Amino acid sequence: LANYDNALANAWTYADFIDKEATSYTVADSSVSYHLVINPVELTNAFEFDVVVSADKTIASITMTVNGSTYGFGADAESKVSSLVGATLDDVKAKFTDDTFAPNSDVGEIFTGASLTGTAAYRAAAYALANYDLAILLGGNA
């Protein structure tokens, strides 16, 4: 049982960016609804997002519920994250040079003048999309 629990704890993809203790998900009607807390990086506080991934493995909805930007940067980010609706994991990964999702100033439609804000949104999207199958398999809430 301990090996199973350990394997399960390490199975989540793109979890390096996520506060796993504060993050949760529910499964209903082949959709996964996440409440994701993105760890603070560099000059930001934690960001929080509500993301729904549909059965076709696209983002059905995404809302920034807590903007972790500091010093007034990224003030318009909440309205811009909706540009990720319809995105697939490949779409999200295409914005970055590798799977580390390092902060990137070229975050397309989510550019707010605060590159870490857009990066946080893409990290939330990547986690939600990449872990859809695991969440469906496990069901319930984590």
Protein backbone atom coordinates (compact mmCIF):
# COMPACT_ATOMS: atom_id res chain seq x y z
CA LEU A 1 0.00 0.00 0.00
CA ALA A 2 2.85 2.41 0.78
CA ASN A 3 4.35 1.85 -2.69
CA TYR A 4 0.96 2.49 -4.29
CA ASP A 5 0.51 5.73 -2.34
CA ASN A 6 4.03 6.84 -3.25
CA ALA A 7 3.51 6.05 -6.93
CA LEU A 8 0.23 7.92 -6.91
CA ALA A 9 1.72 10.95 -5.19
CA ASN A 10 4.41 11.14 -7.88
CA ALA A 11 2.12 10.42 -10.83
CA TRP A 12 0.82 13.98 -11.25
CA THR A 13 2.50 15.73 -14.20
CA TYR A 14 3.68 19.37 -13.98
CA ALA A 15 3.20 19.24 -10.22
CA ASP A 16 6.43 21.15 -9.49
CA PHE A 17 4.54 24.40 -9.91
CA ILE A 18 1.52 23.41 -7.84
CA ASP A 19 0.82 23.70 -4.13
CA LYS A 20 -0.53 20.15 -3.91
CA GLU A 21 -1.87 20.61 -0.38
CA ALA A 22 -4.03 23.56 -1.42
CA THR A 23 -5.09 22.16 -4.80
CA SER A 24 -8.23 20.10 -5.28
CA TYR A 25 -10.31 18.58 -8.06
CA THR A 26 -13.69 16.99 -8.61
CA VAL A 27 -14.92 14.76 -11.41
CA ALA A 28 -18.43 15.03 -12.83
CA ASP A 29 -19.90 14.00 -16.18
CA SER A 30 -16.50 13.29 -17.78
CA SER A 31 -15.21 16.74 -16.85
CA VAL A 32 -12.58 17.54 -14.25
CA SER A 33 -12.89 20.75 -12.25
CA TYR A 34 -9.71 21.89 -10.54
CA HIS A 35 -8.98 24.55 -7.98
CA LEU A 36 -5.26 25.10 -8.52
CA VAL A 37 -2.83 27.05 -6.39
CA ILE A 38 0.34 27.95 -8.26
CA ASN A 39 3.41 28.31 -6.06
CA PRO A 40 4.92 31.80 -5.77
CA VAL A 41 7.98 32.44 -7.93
CA GLU A 42 10.49 35.27 -7.92
CA LEU A 43 8.48 38.45 -7.33
CA THR A 44 4.97 36.97 -7.13
CA ASN A 45 2.64 35.64 -4.52
CA ALA A 46 0.64 32.47 -5.11
CA PHE A 47 -1.86 32.53 -7.97
CA GLU A 48 -5.14 30.60 -7.88
CA PHE A 49 -7.17 29.33 -10.82
CA ASP A 50 -10.38 27.41 -11.31
CA VAL A 51 -10.04 25.26 -14.44
CA VAL A 52 -12.49 22.86 -16.04
CA VAL A 53 -11.18 20.31 -18.54
CA SER A 54 -13.78 18.62 -20.73
CA ALA A 55 -13.84 15.06 -22.08
CA ASP A 56 -12.15 16.18 -25.31
CA LYS A 57 -9.16 17.27 -23.19
CA THR A 58 -9.56 20.96 -23.84
CA ILE A 59 -10.06 23.77 -21.38
CA ALA A 60 -13.78 24.39 -21.05
CA SER A 61 -13.28 27.29 -18.63
CA ILE A 62 -10.52 28.98 -16.69
CA THR A 63 -10.78 31.76 -14.13
CA MET A 64 -8.03 33.45 -12.15
CA THR A 65 -9.46 33.64 -8.63
CA VAL A 66 -6.34 35.10 -6.96
CA ASN A 67 -3.88 37.27 -8.86
CA GLY A 68 -0.44 36.82 -7.30
CA SER A 69 1.14 39.68 -9.23
CA THR A 70 2.84 42.30 -7.14
CA TYR A 71 3.39 46.01 -7.59
CA GLY A 72 0.24 46.36 -9.71
CA PHE A 73 1.55 44.29 -12.61
CA GLY A 74 -0.84 41.98 -14.39
CA ALA A 75 -3.90 43.90 -13.26
CA ASP A 76 -5.80 42.92 -16.39
CA ALA A 77 -4.79 39.25 -16.29
CA GLU A 78 -8.09 37.99 -14.91
CA SER A 79 -9.86 39.01 -18.11
CA LYS A 80 -7.10 37.65 -20.36
CA VAL A 81 -6.82 34.07 -19.05
CA SER A 82 -10.10 33.22 -20.78
CA SER A 83 -8.09 33.15 -24.02
CA LEU A 84 -7.02 29.65 -22.92
CA VAL A 85 -10.56 28.28 -23.36
CA GLY A 86 -10.39 25.60 -26.04
CA ALA A 87 -6.64 25.04 -25.58
CA THR A 88 -5.09 21.57 -25.59
CA LEU A 89 -1.92 20.51 -23.80
CA ASP A 90 -0.02 20.84 -27.08
CA ASP A 91 -1.27 24.42 -27.45
CA VAL A 92 -0.03 25.26 -23.96
CA LYS A 93 3.31 23.54 -24.40
CA ALA A 94 3.89 25.41 -27.66
CA LYS A 95 4.28 28.66 -25.70
CA PHE A 96 7.42 27.39 -23.96
CA THR A 97 10.77 26.08 -25.12
CA ASP A 98 10.67 23.00 -22.89
CA ASP A 99 8.60 21.22 -20.25
CA THR A 100 10.00 23.29 -17.39
CA PHE A 101 7.57 26.10 -18.20
CA ALA A 102 10.22 28.61 -17.22
CA PRO A 103 8.95 32.19 -17.02
CA ASN A 104 8.51 33.47 -20.52
CA SER A 105 7.75 36.97 -21.73
CA ASP A 106 6.10 35.65 -24.91
CA VAL A 107 2.85 34.39 -23.43
CA GLY A 108 0.66 35.56 -26.28
CA GLU A 109 -2.85 36.70 -25.46
CA ILE A 110 -2.15 36.65 -21.72
CA PHE A 111 0.68 39.18 -21.92
CA THR A 112 0.02 41.76 -19.21
CA GLY A 113 3.42 43.37 -18.79
CA ALA A 114 4.06 40.83 -16.05
CA SER A 115 5.44 37.69 -17.67
CA LEU A 116 5.09 35.64 -14.49
CA THR A 117 1.33 36.22 -14.52
CA GLY A 118 0.95 34.69 -17.96
CA THR A 119 3.35 31.91 -17.03
CA ALA A 120 1.23 31.07 -13.97
CA ALA A 121 -1.87 30.77 -16.16
CA TYR A 122 -0.08 28.44 -18.57
CA ARG A 123 1.26 26.35 -15.68
CA ALA A 124 -2.28 25.95 -14.33
CA ALA A 125 -3.53 24.98 -17.77
CA ALA A 126 -0.69 22.48 -18.31
CA TYR A 127 -1.32 20.77 -14.97
CA ALA A 128 -5.08 20.56 -15.52
CA LEU A 129 -4.79 19.21 -19.06
CA ALA A 130 -1.92 16.79 -18.44
CA ASN A 131 -3.61 15.22 -15.43
CA TYR A 132 -7.11 14.85 -16.84
CA ASP A 133 -6.82 11.07 -17.38
CA LEU A 134 -5.38 10.47 -13.91
CA ALA A 135 -8.14 12.52 -12.28
CA ILE A 136 -10.80 10.60 -14.22
CA LEU A 137 -9.17 7.29 -13.24
CA LEU A 138 -9.04 8.22 -9.57
CA GLY A 139 -12.40 9.99 -9.53
CA GLY A 140 -13.57 11.92 -6.51
CA ASN A 141 -11.50 14.63 -4.93
CA ALA A 142 -7.80 14.97 -4.19
